[in-house]
Amino acid sequence: MKTVKIGVIGYGVRIDMLMDQLADQPVKAEITAVADKNPERVKELMRKDGNAARQHEMEIDKIDGLLRRCPMDPEKIRFYHSAEEMLSREELDGVMVGTNCDTHAHFAKIVLEKEIPLFLEKPVGICREDLELLKDCDSREHAPVVVSFPLRVTRLVQEAKRILDAGTIGKVDHVQAFNDVSYGFVYFHDWYRNEAVAHGLFLQKATHDVDVINYLVGEKPVKVCAMKSKQIFKGDLPAGLRCSQCDRTLTCMESTYNIEKTRNDTPRSDYCCYAVDTGNEDSGSMIIRYESGMHAVYSQNFFARKGAARRGARLYGYKGTLEFDFVKDEIKVYDHMSDQITTIQLHTPPQGHGGGDQYLMDNFVRLITGHDKESIAPLAAGIESAGLCLGAKESAETEEFRSV
């Protein structure tokens, strides 16, 4: 079989994290072209021989439990400064979009107009106009799309789905979900702190979790209300201040020095999280109403640390309750009619996003080669999740319910 030729629009840390999974395919799949405004940074990431590459390795090692096994050779890849130029010159079997969030929808439309299979980073859009554009694309026949939702295809969520579909707890009639992010400080030190780019942490983070909830309950969300707070990561220090320029390096527990030396965490950047230009809420909650009338509650927190970390949900039916936690890698099923509690320990290998990244890349390549007929994370799911998170963001700012 011929080599599957993949082009990338916006080669950043997230795309780089998927390269081992792409290389693990039974058919030969490789990156042949990249469109990126900073090709030297891309080459550094690929070779893993510079500061950005070393920082990337530490981040994955601490947060995701996986290091890239081997570098790539950028000399074998053609680089372009624009996506349009790359798409006009290259014969590609698939395209991966990993640009900043505010351009995901724009580039998705361009790729789909070329009838090329697409791997699209989340959130798929950050405003109503983006989502309308993508809905229009999805209303027509188009090449396969895989949205970067690795959590829905982890062993943990797939086993939870199997138990729910078997009717073990009955129909899901209530959900309480949570994400206490042990590495939440990165959203206030690194590029995420620029809210004009990140667009808040409902769209940036919760998009994964609400996709999992939507997937497990199997219902359409119809309304959402939300609230968010900024209680910790705020202050009056000068805009653009870096830890290396600050006289509080030894006393501030958020300095890169103390993050690494005292807390044994991995600093991502040394921008001050107490400066006036630090964006993003540091906690947020939403209530989602579904079409049957049932509702789900979801909260996320970005200053919980260490052993306080957890990510998962409780799903309640009349017959029982199912609880799962990615941090514990565990599912518990509580029988409401007896004293029985069943605990399932998954023992998930330390792979990218609990193995979800491998399933995404497998599906993407198999869609390209025709071995799979359906996406495991279709564009419609990405639109639904982004619409829900955008509605939560708007609700928190207007104090009104929003339709999804």
Protein backbone atom coordinates (compact mmCIF):
# COMPACT_ATOMS: atom_id res chain seq x y z
CA MET A 1 0.00 0.00 0.00
CA LYS A 2 1.23 3.51 -0.80
CA THR A 3 2.47 5.87 1.90
CA VAL A 4 -0.30 7.96 3.49
CA LYS A 5 0.81 11.56 3.03
CA ILE A 6 -0.25 13.94 5.79
CA GLY A 7 -0.02 17.73 5.77
CA VAL A 8 -0.13 19.86 8.93
CA ILE A 9 -1.50 23.38 9.30
CA GLY A 10 -0.04 24.78 12.51
CA TYR A 11 2.49 22.32 13.94
CA GLY A 12 2.55 22.89 17.71
CA VAL A 13 2.96 20.87 20.88
CA ARG A 14 -0.39 19.07 20.54
CA ILE A 15 0.27 17.89 16.98
CA ASP A 16 3.79 16.84 17.99
CA MET A 17 2.30 14.72 20.78
CA LEU A 18 0.49 12.62 18.16
CA MET A 19 3.49 11.76 16.01
CA ASP A 20 4.36 8.45 17.73
CA GLN A 21 0.76 7.31 17.32
CA LEU A 22 0.84 8.28 13.65
CA ALA A 23 4.09 6.37 13.17
CA ASP A 24 2.59 3.28 14.86
CA GLN A 25 0.12 2.66 12.04
CA PRO A 26 0.24 -0.68 10.20
CA VAL A 27 0.36 1.30 6.96
CA LYS A 28 3.12 3.84 6.46
CA ALA A 29 1.81 7.29 7.37
CA GLU A 30 4.09 10.29 7.55
CA ILE A 31 4.14 14.07 7.61
CA THR A 32 5.23 15.30 4.18
CA ALA A 33 4.31 19.01 4.36
CA VAL A 34 3.81 21.65 7.06
CA ALA A 35 2.30 25.12 6.85
CA ASP A 36 3.45 27.17 9.84
CA LYS A 37 4.53 30.77 10.39
CA ASN A 38 7.48 29.68 12.53
CA PRO A 39 9.21 26.79 10.73
CA GLU A 40 12.35 26.98 12.89
CA ARG A 41 10.31 26.31 16.04
CA VAL A 42 8.62 23.41 14.27
CA LYS A 43 11.97 21.91 13.29
CA GLU A 44 13.17 22.26 16.88
CA LEU A 45 10.11 20.39 18.12
CA MET A 46 10.59 17.67 15.54
CA ARG A 47 14.29 17.19 16.25
CA LYS A 48 13.85 17.65 20.01
CA ASP A 49 17.21 19.38 20.21
CA GLY A 50 16.33 22.83 21.57
CA ASN A 51 14.86 24.53 24.62
CA ALA A 52 11.30 24.28 23.31
CA ALA A 53 11.77 20.58 22.66
CA ARG A 54 13.18 19.90 26.14
CA GLN A 55 10.35 21.87 27.71
CA HIS A 56 7.89 19.87 25.62
CA GLU A 57 9.41 16.58 26.84
CA MET A 58 9.10 17.65 30.48
CA GLU A 59 5.51 18.73 30.00
CA ILE A 60 4.43 15.41 28.52
CA ASP A 61 6.45 13.40 31.04
CA LYS A 62 4.82 15.16 34.01
CA ILE A 63 1.33 15.76 32.69
CA ASP A 64 0.60 13.06 30.14
CA GLY A 65 3.02 10.29 31.06
CA LEU A 66 4.58 9.79 27.64
CA LEU A 67 7.73 10.94 25.89
CA ARG A 68 8.19 10.89 22.14
CA ARG A 69 10.30 7.84 21.41
CA CYS A 70 12.17 9.21 18.43
CA PRO A 71 12.73 12.54 16.72
CA MET A 72 11.58 13.39 13.21
CA ASP A 73 13.75 14.56 10.34
CA PRO A 74 12.48 17.98 9.22
CA GLU A 75 14.78 17.89 6.20
CA LYS A 76 12.40 15.38 4.60
CA ILE A 77 9.42 17.71 5.02
CA ARG A 78 8.39 20.62 2.77
CA PHE A 79 7.54 23.81 4.68
CA TYR A 80 5.10 26.53 3.62
CA HIS A 81 4.19 29.87 5.18
CA SER A 82 0.50 29.55 4.26
CA ALA A 83 -2.03 26.75 4.27
CA GLU A 84 -3.38 27.86 0.91
CA GLU A 85 0.02 27.47 -0.72
CA MET A 86 0.55 24.03 0.80
CA LEU A 87 -2.88 22.79 -0.25
CA SER A 88 -2.43 24.09 -3.81
CA ARG A 89 0.98 22.48 -4.30
CA GLU A 90 0.78 19.20 -2.40
CA GLU A 91 -1.13 16.00 -3.12
CA LEU A 92 -2.19 15.09 0.42
CA ASP A 93 -4.21 12.16 1.72
CA GLY A 94 -5.08 13.92 4.97
CA VAL A 95 -4.56 17.19 6.83
CA MET A 96 -4.16 17.90 10.54
CA VAL A 97 -5.08 21.36 11.86
CA GLY A 98 -3.33 22.44 15.07
CA THR A 99 -3.38 26.23 14.81
CA ASN A 100 -4.61 28.67 17.47
CA CYS A 101 -8.25 28.09 18.37
CA ASP A 102 -9.59 31.16 16.58
CA THR A 103 -8.56 29.76 13.17
CA HIS A 104 -9.74 26.13 13.53
CA ALA A 105 -13.04 26.69 11.75
CA HIS A 106 -11.45 28.77 8.97
CA PHE A 107 -8.89 26.11 8.09
CA ALA A 108 -11.39 23.27 8.51
CA LYS A 109 -13.55 24.86 5.81
CA ILE A 110 -10.57 25.27 3.45
CA VAL A 111 -9.51 21.63 3.89
CA LEU A 112 -13.02 20.25 3.49
CA GLU A 113 -13.51 22.30 0.33
CA LYS A 114 -10.51 20.38 -1.06
CA GLU A 115 -12.31 17.13 -0.11
CA ILE A 116 -9.37 15.99 2.05
CA PRO A 117 -9.86 13.98 5.29
CA LEU A 118 -9.33 16.22 8.30
CA PHE A 119 -8.03 15.89 11.85
CA LEU A 120 -9.20 18.99 13.72
CA GLU A 121 -8.03 20.25 17.08
CA LYS A 122 -10.56 21.31 19.71
CA PRO A 123 -12.40 23.56 20.25
CA VAL A 124 -13.58 23.45 16.65
CA GLY A 125 -14.79 27.06 16.92
CA ILE A 126 -14.72 29.94 19.40
CA CYS A 127 -17.70 32.07 18.31
CA ARG A 128 -21.19 31.72 16.85
CA GLU A 129 -19.90 32.59 13.36
CA ASP A 130 -17.38 29.73 13.53
CA LEU A 131 -20.06 27.24 14.52
CA GLU A 132 -22.47 28.38 11.81
CA LEU A 133 -19.69 28.00 9.25
CA LEU A 134 -18.97 24.47 10.46
CA LYS A 135 -22.65 23.54 10.59
CA ASP A 136 -22.90 24.58 6.96
CA CYS A 137 -19.91 22.39 6.12
CA ASP A 138 -21.41 19.46 8.04
CA SER A 139 -24.78 19.82 6.33
CA ARG A 140 -23.20 18.75 3.06
CA GLU A 141 -21.34 15.62 2.06
CA HIS A 142 -17.70 16.03 3.03
CA ALA A 143 -14.51 14.08 3.63
CA PRO A 144 -14.19 12.36 7.02
CA VAL A 145 -13.40 14.52 10.05
CA VAL A 146 -11.87 13.36 13.33
CA VAL A 147 -12.06 15.93 16.14
CA SER A 148 -9.33 15.79 18.79
CA PHE A 149 -11.48 14.26 21.56
CA PRO A 150 -9.22 11.52 22.97
CA LEU A 151 -11.07 11.15 26.29
CA ARG A 152 -14.23 9.72 24.71
CA VAL A 153 -12.24 6.80 23.29
CA THR A 154 -10.15 5.92 26.34
CA ARG A 155 -10.55 2.47 27.87
CA LEU A 156 -12.15 4.10 30.90
CA VAL A 157 -14.92 5.90 29.01
CA GLN A 158 -15.50 2.99 26.64
CA GLU A 159 -16.00 0.62 29.58
CA ALA A 160 -18.32 3.14 31.26
CA LYS A 161 -20.28 3.37 28.01
CA ARG A 162 -20.56 -0.42 27.80
CA ILE A 163 -21.96 -0.61 31.35
CA LEU A 164 -24.44 2.20 30.73
CA ASP A 165 -25.62 0.74 27.42
CA ALA A 166 -26.21 -2.59 29.17
CA GLY A 167 -28.80 -0.85 31.37
CA THR A 168 -26.94 -1.65 34.59
CA ILE A 169 -27.99 1.57 36.32
CA GLY A 170 -31.07 2.28 34.19
CA LYS A 171 -31.52 5.46 32.18
CA VAL A 172 -29.11 8.22 33.18
CA ASP A 173 -31.24 10.92 34.82
CA HIS A 174 -28.62 13.08 36.52
CA VAL A 175 -24.87 13.78 36.15
CA GLN A 176 -22.34 15.42 38.44
CA ALA A 177 -18.99 15.92 36.70
CA PHE A 178 -15.73 17.44 37.85
CA ASN A 179 -12.22 18.36 36.73
CA ASP A 180 -9.76 19.48 39.40
CA VAL A 181 -6.70 20.20 37.26
CA SER A 182 -3.41 19.43 39.02
CA TYR A 183 -1.41 21.36 36.40
CA GLY A 184 -3.89 24.27 36.21
CA PHE A 185 -1.13 26.85 36.72
CA VAL A 186 -0.06 26.42 33.08
CA TYR A 187 -3.19 28.31 32.02
CA PHE A 188 -1.88 31.42 33.77
CA HIS A 189 1.85 31.26 33.00
CA ASP A 190 1.94 30.08 29.40
CA TRP A 191 0.32 31.42 26.19
CA TYR A 192 -3.08 30.36 27.51
CA ARG A 193 -2.99 33.38 29.86
CA ASN A 194 -3.81 35.56 26.85
CA GLU A 195 -7.60 35.26 26.93
CA ALA A 196 -7.85 36.82 23.47
CA VAL A 197 -6.23 33.60 22.19
CA ALA A 198 -7.49 31.02 24.72
CA HIS A 199 -11.06 32.45 24.88
CA GLY A 200 -11.56 31.30 28.46
CA LEU A 201 -11.32 27.90 30.06
CA PHE A 202 -14.80 26.61 29.24
CA LEU A 203 -13.82 26.54 25.56
CA GLN A 204 -10.21 25.65 26.23
CA LYS A 205 -10.66 22.86 28.79
CA ALA A 206 -14.29 21.90 29.46
CA THR A 207 -14.84 21.06 25.79
CA HIS A 208 -13.31 17.60 26.48
CA ASP A 209 -15.40 16.90 29.56
CA VAL A 210 -18.76 17.97 28.18
CA ASP A 211 -18.08 15.89 25.08
CA VAL A 212 -17.64 12.85 27.34
CA ILE A 213 -20.90 13.68 29.17
CA ASN A 214 -22.78 14.12 25.88
CA TYR A 215 -21.33 10.87 24.57
CA LEU A 216 -22.22 8.86 27.68
CA VAL A 217 -25.78 10.14 28.19
CA GLY A 218 -26.60 9.97 24.47
CA GLU A 219 -28.85 13.02 24.57
CA LYS A 220 -28.74 16.47 23.00
CA PRO A 221 -28.00 19.42 25.30
CA VAL A 222 -30.56 22.20 24.85
CA LYS A 223 -29.78 24.87 27.48
CA VAL A 224 -26.93 25.91 29.72
CA CYS A 225 -26.25 28.37 32.51
CA ALA A 226 -22.87 28.99 34.08
CA MET A 227 -20.78 30.96 36.52
CA LYS A 228 -17.04 31.53 36.68
CA SER A 229 -14.67 33.10 39.22
CA LYS A 230 -11.16 34.51 39.30
CA GLN A 231 -10.06 34.34 42.93
CA ILE A 232 -6.40 33.29 42.87
CA PHE A 233 -4.63 34.16 39.64
CA LYS A 234 -5.13 37.92 39.66
CA GLY A 235 -3.11 40.92 40.80
CA ASP A 236 -1.73 44.35 40.05
CA LEU A 237 1.81 43.54 38.97
CA PRO A 238 3.01 45.03 35.66
CA ALA A 239 1.80 43.58 32.36
CA GLY A 240 4.33 41.29 30.72
CA LEU A 241 6.28 40.72 33.93
CA ARG A 242 8.40 37.59 34.04
CA CYS A 243 9.64 35.67 37.05
CA SER A 244 13.22 36.28 35.94
CA GLN A 245 12.58 40.05 36.28
CA CYS A 246 10.79 39.89 39.64
CA ASP A 247 12.24 40.38 43.15
CA ARG A 248 9.70 37.92 44.62
CA THR A 249 11.18 34.83 42.98
CA LEU A 250 12.15 33.17 46.27
CA THR A 251 8.95 33.99 48.17
CA CYS A 252 6.28 33.55 45.46
CA MET A 253 5.06 29.96 45.29
CA GLU A 254 4.06 30.57 41.65
CA SER A 255 7.55 31.59 40.54
CA THR A 256 9.20 29.18 38.12
CA TYR A 257 11.86 28.59 40.77
CA ASN A 258 9.39 27.40 43.42
CA ILE A 259 7.19 25.54 40.91
CA GLU A 260 10.20 23.38 40.05
CA LYS A 261 12.30 23.34 43.24
CA THR A 262 9.69 23.46 46.01
CA ARG A 263 6.56 21.98 44.45
CA ASN A 264 8.29 19.50 42.13
CA ASP A 265 6.13 20.57 39.18
CA THR A 266 7.19 21.50 35.66
CA PRO A 267 7.17 25.21 34.74
CA ARG A 268 5.87 25.94 31.25
CA SER A 269 6.74 29.62 31.02
CA ASP A 270 7.85 32.37 33.39
CA TYR A 271 5.15 34.98 32.76
CA CYS A 272 3.75 36.31 36.04
CA CYS A 273 0.31 34.92 36.90
CA TYR A 274 -0.34 37.89 39.22
CA ALA A 275 0.16 40.52 36.50
CA VAL A 276 -2.68 42.72 35.27
CA ASP A 277 -2.62 41.03 31.85
CA THR A 278 -3.24 37.51 33.18
CA GLY A 279 -6.55 36.32 31.74
CA ASN A 280 -8.86 33.33 32.37
CA GLU A 281 -11.10 32.38 35.24
CA ASP A 282 -9.57 29.97 37.76
CA SER A 283 -12.79 28.08 38.46
CA GLY A 284 -16.06 27.64 36.60
CA SER A 285 -19.29 25.67 36.77
CA MET A 286 -22.16 25.00 34.39
CA ILE A 287 -25.58 23.38 34.55
CA ILE A 288 -26.73 21.68 31.36
CA ARG A 289 -30.32 20.76 30.50
CA TYR A 290 -30.84 17.88 28.07
CA GLU A 291 -33.72 17.18 25.74
CA SER A 292 -35.41 14.68 28.10
CA GLY A 293 -35.43 17.25 30.91
CA MET A 294 -32.55 15.68 32.87
CA HIS A 295 -29.63 17.91 33.82
CA ALA A 296 -25.89 17.67 34.40
CA VAL A 297 -23.66 19.75 36.65
CA TYR A 298 -19.99 20.27 35.75
CA SER A 299 -17.28 22.16 37.67
CA GLN A 300 -13.62 22.75 36.89
CA ASN A 301 -10.92 24.14 39.15
CA PHE A 302 -7.41 25.31 38.24
CA PHE A 303 -5.74 25.76 41.62
CA ALA A 304 -6.36 22.30 43.10
CA ARG A 305 -2.99 20.53 43.26
CA LYS A 306 -1.26 17.26 43.89
CA GLY A 307 -3.48 14.66 45.59
CA ALA A 308 -6.55 16.85 45.14
CA ALA A 309 -6.52 16.14 41.40
CA ARG A 310 -9.52 14.30 39.96
CA ARG A 311 -11.37 14.20 36.66
CA GLY A 312 -14.53 12.29 35.96
CA ALA A 313 -18.21 12.10 36.79
CA ARG A 314 -21.04 10.41 38.63
CA LEU A 315 -23.95 9.29 36.47
CA TYR A 316 -27.15 8.47 38.34
CA GLY A 317 -29.96 6.15 37.27
CA TYR A 318 -32.85 4.73 39.28
CA LYS A 319 -31.18 1.31 39.53
CA GLY A 320 -27.67 2.49 40.34
CA THR A 321 -24.86 5.03 40.12
CA LEU A 322 -21.75 4.81 37.94
CA GLU A 323 -18.69 6.81 38.96
CA PHE A 324 -15.42 7.12 37.05
CA ASP A 325 -12.19 9.00 37.65
CA PHE A 326 -9.36 9.34 35.13
CA VAL A 327 -6.83 10.08 37.89
CA LYS A 328 -7.64 6.86 39.77
CA ASP A 329 -8.13 5.00 36.46
CA GLU A 330 -11.18 3.46 38.09
CA ILE A 331 -14.92 2.86 37.67
CA LYS A 332 -17.30 2.15 40.54
CA VAL A 333 -20.87 0.92 40.11
CA TYR A 334 -23.19 1.28 43.11
CA ASP A 335 -26.30 -0.92 43.10
CA HIS A 336 -29.26 1.03 44.53
CA MET A 337 -31.22 -2.13 45.33
CA SER A 338 -28.53 -3.88 47.36
CA ASP A 339 -25.27 -3.22 49.22
CA GLN A 340 -23.21 -4.28 46.22
CA ILE A 341 -20.42 -2.01 44.98
CA THR A 342 -18.41 -3.14 41.96
CA THR A 343 -14.96 -1.61 41.43
CA ILE A 344 -13.24 -1.87 38.06
CA GLN A 345 -9.54 -0.95 37.90
CA LEU A 346 -8.53 -0.37 34.29
CA HIS A 347 -4.70 -0.48 34.56
CA THR A 348 -4.45 1.77 31.52
CA PRO A 349 -0.90 1.88 30.08
CA PRO A 350 0.81 5.30 30.25
CA GLN A 351 -0.08 6.37 26.73
CA GLY A 352 -1.18 9.75 25.42
CA HIS A 353 -4.50 10.73 27.05
CA GLY A 354 -5.09 7.24 28.44
CA GLY A 355 -4.62 5.64 25.03
CA GLY A 356 -7.18 7.93 23.40
CA ASP A 357 -4.61 9.54 21.11
CA GLN A 358 -3.78 6.15 19.58
CA TYR A 359 -7.44 5.46 18.82
CA LEU A 360 -7.80 8.89 17.21
CA MET A 361 -4.80 8.37 14.92
CA ASP A 362 -5.86 4.80 14.13
CA ASN A 363 -9.32 6.01 13.10
CA PHE A 364 -7.95 8.97 11.11
CA VAL A 365 -5.60 6.80 9.02
CA ARG A 366 -8.20 4.04 8.60
CA LEU A 367 -10.72 6.60 7.34
CA ILE A 368 -8.15 7.80 4.82
CA THR A 369 -7.43 4.26 3.60
CA GLY A 370 -11.11 3.28 3.58
CA HIS A 371 -10.84 0.64 6.32
CA ASP A 372 -13.14 2.64 8.63
CA LYS A 373 -16.42 4.13 7.48
CA GLU A 374 -17.29 6.33 10.47
CA SER A 375 -15.39 8.82 12.60
CA ILE A 376 -15.16 8.01 16.31
CA ALA A 377 -15.18 11.77 17.03
CA PRO A 378 -17.20 13.39 14.23
CA LEU A 379 -17.49 17.07 13.40
CA ALA A 380 -21.04 17.18 14.77
CA ALA A 381 -19.71 16.22 18.23
CA GLY A 382 -17.13 19.00 18.02
CA ILE A 383 -19.79 21.54 17.07
CA GLU A 384 -22.08 20.37 19.89
CA SER A 385 -19.33 20.57 22.52
CA ALA A 386 -18.07 23.97 21.35
CA GLY A 387 -21.64 25.30 21.23
CA LEU A 388 -22.24 24.15 24.78
CA CYS A 389 -18.99 25.67 26.08
CA LEU A 390 -19.57 28.91 24.19
CA GLY A 391 -23.06 29.06 25.70
CA ALA A 392 -21.56 28.56 29.17
CA LYS A 393 -19.05 31.36 28.56
CA GLU A 394 -21.83 33.70 27.41
CA SER A 395 -24.07 32.72 30.31
CA ALA A 396 -21.34 33.42 32.87
CA GLU A 397 -20.85 36.87 31.35
CA THR A 398 -24.56 37.78 31.00
CA GLU A 399 -26.05 35.83 33.95
CA GLU A 400 -28.67 34.37 31.60
CA PHE A 401 -29.55 30.89 30.36
CA ARG A 402 -28.28 30.26 26.83
CA SER A 403 -29.67 27.92 24.21
CA VAL A 404 -27.17 25.42 22.84
